[in-house]
Protein backbone atom coordinates (compact mmCIF):
# COMPACT_ATOMS: atom_id res chain seq x y z
CA MET A 1 3.66 25.07 -11.44
CA PRO A 2 0.73 25.03 -9.01
CA ALA A 3 -1.82 22.25 -9.19
CA ILE A 4 -5.42 23.05 -9.97
CA VAL A 5 -7.71 20.73 -8.04
CA GLY A 6 -11.42 20.43 -8.65
CA ALA A 7 -14.06 19.04 -6.31
CA VAL A 8 -12.86 16.25 -4.01
CA LYS A 9 -15.04 13.86 -2.01
CA VAL A 10 -13.33 11.74 0.63
CA ASN A 11 -15.47 8.89 1.96
CA SER A 12 -12.97 7.50 4.45
CA ILE A 13 -9.28 7.42 5.28
CA GLY A 14 -7.59 4.59 7.17
CA ASN A 15 -5.58 5.04 10.35
CA SER A 16 -2.15 4.95 8.70
CA SER A 17 -3.16 6.48 5.36
CA VAL A 18 -1.65 9.47 3.60
CA MET A 19 -3.83 11.95 1.74
CA ASN A 20 -2.54 14.81 -0.35
CA ILE A 21 -4.38 17.30 -2.53
CA GLY A 22 -2.28 19.65 -4.63
CA ASP A 23 1.47 20.13 -4.80
CA VAL A 24 3.84 18.25 -2.53
CA PHE A 25 7.64 18.10 -2.38
CA GLN A 26 8.12 14.90 -0.40
CA MET A 27 5.87 12.44 1.41
CA SER A 28 7.30 10.02 3.95
CA PRO A 29 5.64 7.07 5.70
CA THR A 30 5.29 7.06 9.48
CA SER A 31 4.56 3.34 9.72
CA THR A 32 5.33 0.23 7.71
CA ALA A 33 3.87 -3.24 7.39
CA LYS A 34 4.86 -6.44 5.63
CA THR A 35 2.21 -8.71 4.18
CA PHE A 36 2.72 -12.27 2.98
CA ALA A 37 0.00 -13.79 0.82
CA GLY A 38 -0.27 -16.68 -1.57
CA ALA A 39 -1.06 -16.61 -5.26
CA GLY A 40 -4.43 -15.06 -6.03
CA SER A 41 -4.93 -13.70 -2.51
CA PHE A 42 -5.67 -10.09 -3.43
CA ASN A 43 -7.84 -10.70 -6.49
CA SER A 44 -11.25 -9.08 -6.38
CA GLY A 45 -14.22 -8.99 -8.69
CA ASP A 46 -17.32 -10.87 -9.70
CA GLY A 47 -17.10 -14.43 -10.96
CA LEU A 48 -13.37 -15.03 -10.48
CA ARG A 49 -11.97 -18.47 -11.12
CA ILE A 50 -8.48 -18.92 -9.76
CA TYR A 51 -6.59 -22.19 -10.11
CA ASN A 52 -3.48 -22.50 -7.96
CA ASN A 53 -2.58 -26.16 -8.02
CA GLN A 54 0.68 -25.88 -6.11
CA SER A 55 1.16 -22.48 -4.54
CA VAL A 56 3.91 -21.78 -2.00
CA THR A 57 4.44 -18.40 -0.32
CA ASN A 58 8.07 -17.68 0.51
CA THR A 59 8.23 -15.87 3.86
CA TYR A 60 11.99 -16.16 4.32
CA ASP A 61 13.34 -12.61 4.57
CA THR A 62 17.05 -12.16 5.32
CA ASP A 63 17.10 -8.39 5.76
CA THR A 64 15.90 -6.89 9.02
CA ILE A 65 14.82 -3.46 7.75
CA ASP A 66 12.73 -3.07 4.61
CA GLN A 67 11.80 0.61 4.82
CA VAL A 68 13.49 3.05 7.15
CA ILE A 69 11.08 5.51 8.80
CA VAL A 70 13.48 7.06 11.34
CA GLY A 71 13.26 10.86 11.28
CA ASN A 72 9.94 11.09 9.43
CA ALA A 73 7.53 13.57 10.96
């Protein structure tokens, strides 16, 4: 069934972003990134109070490949 899309306003798109409007069969990434951050790192808002008394970020990763992007166009 086709998608019906109304008005769309795009303010900005990042360098490695994917944007799709309407129907799509498959979307594949062309780049990957791994981010390590401690507790409460990505919180946003007004008047946040975050208490992390003892926070440890585990960056030990035994696998070498997290997301395969070979063959993606």
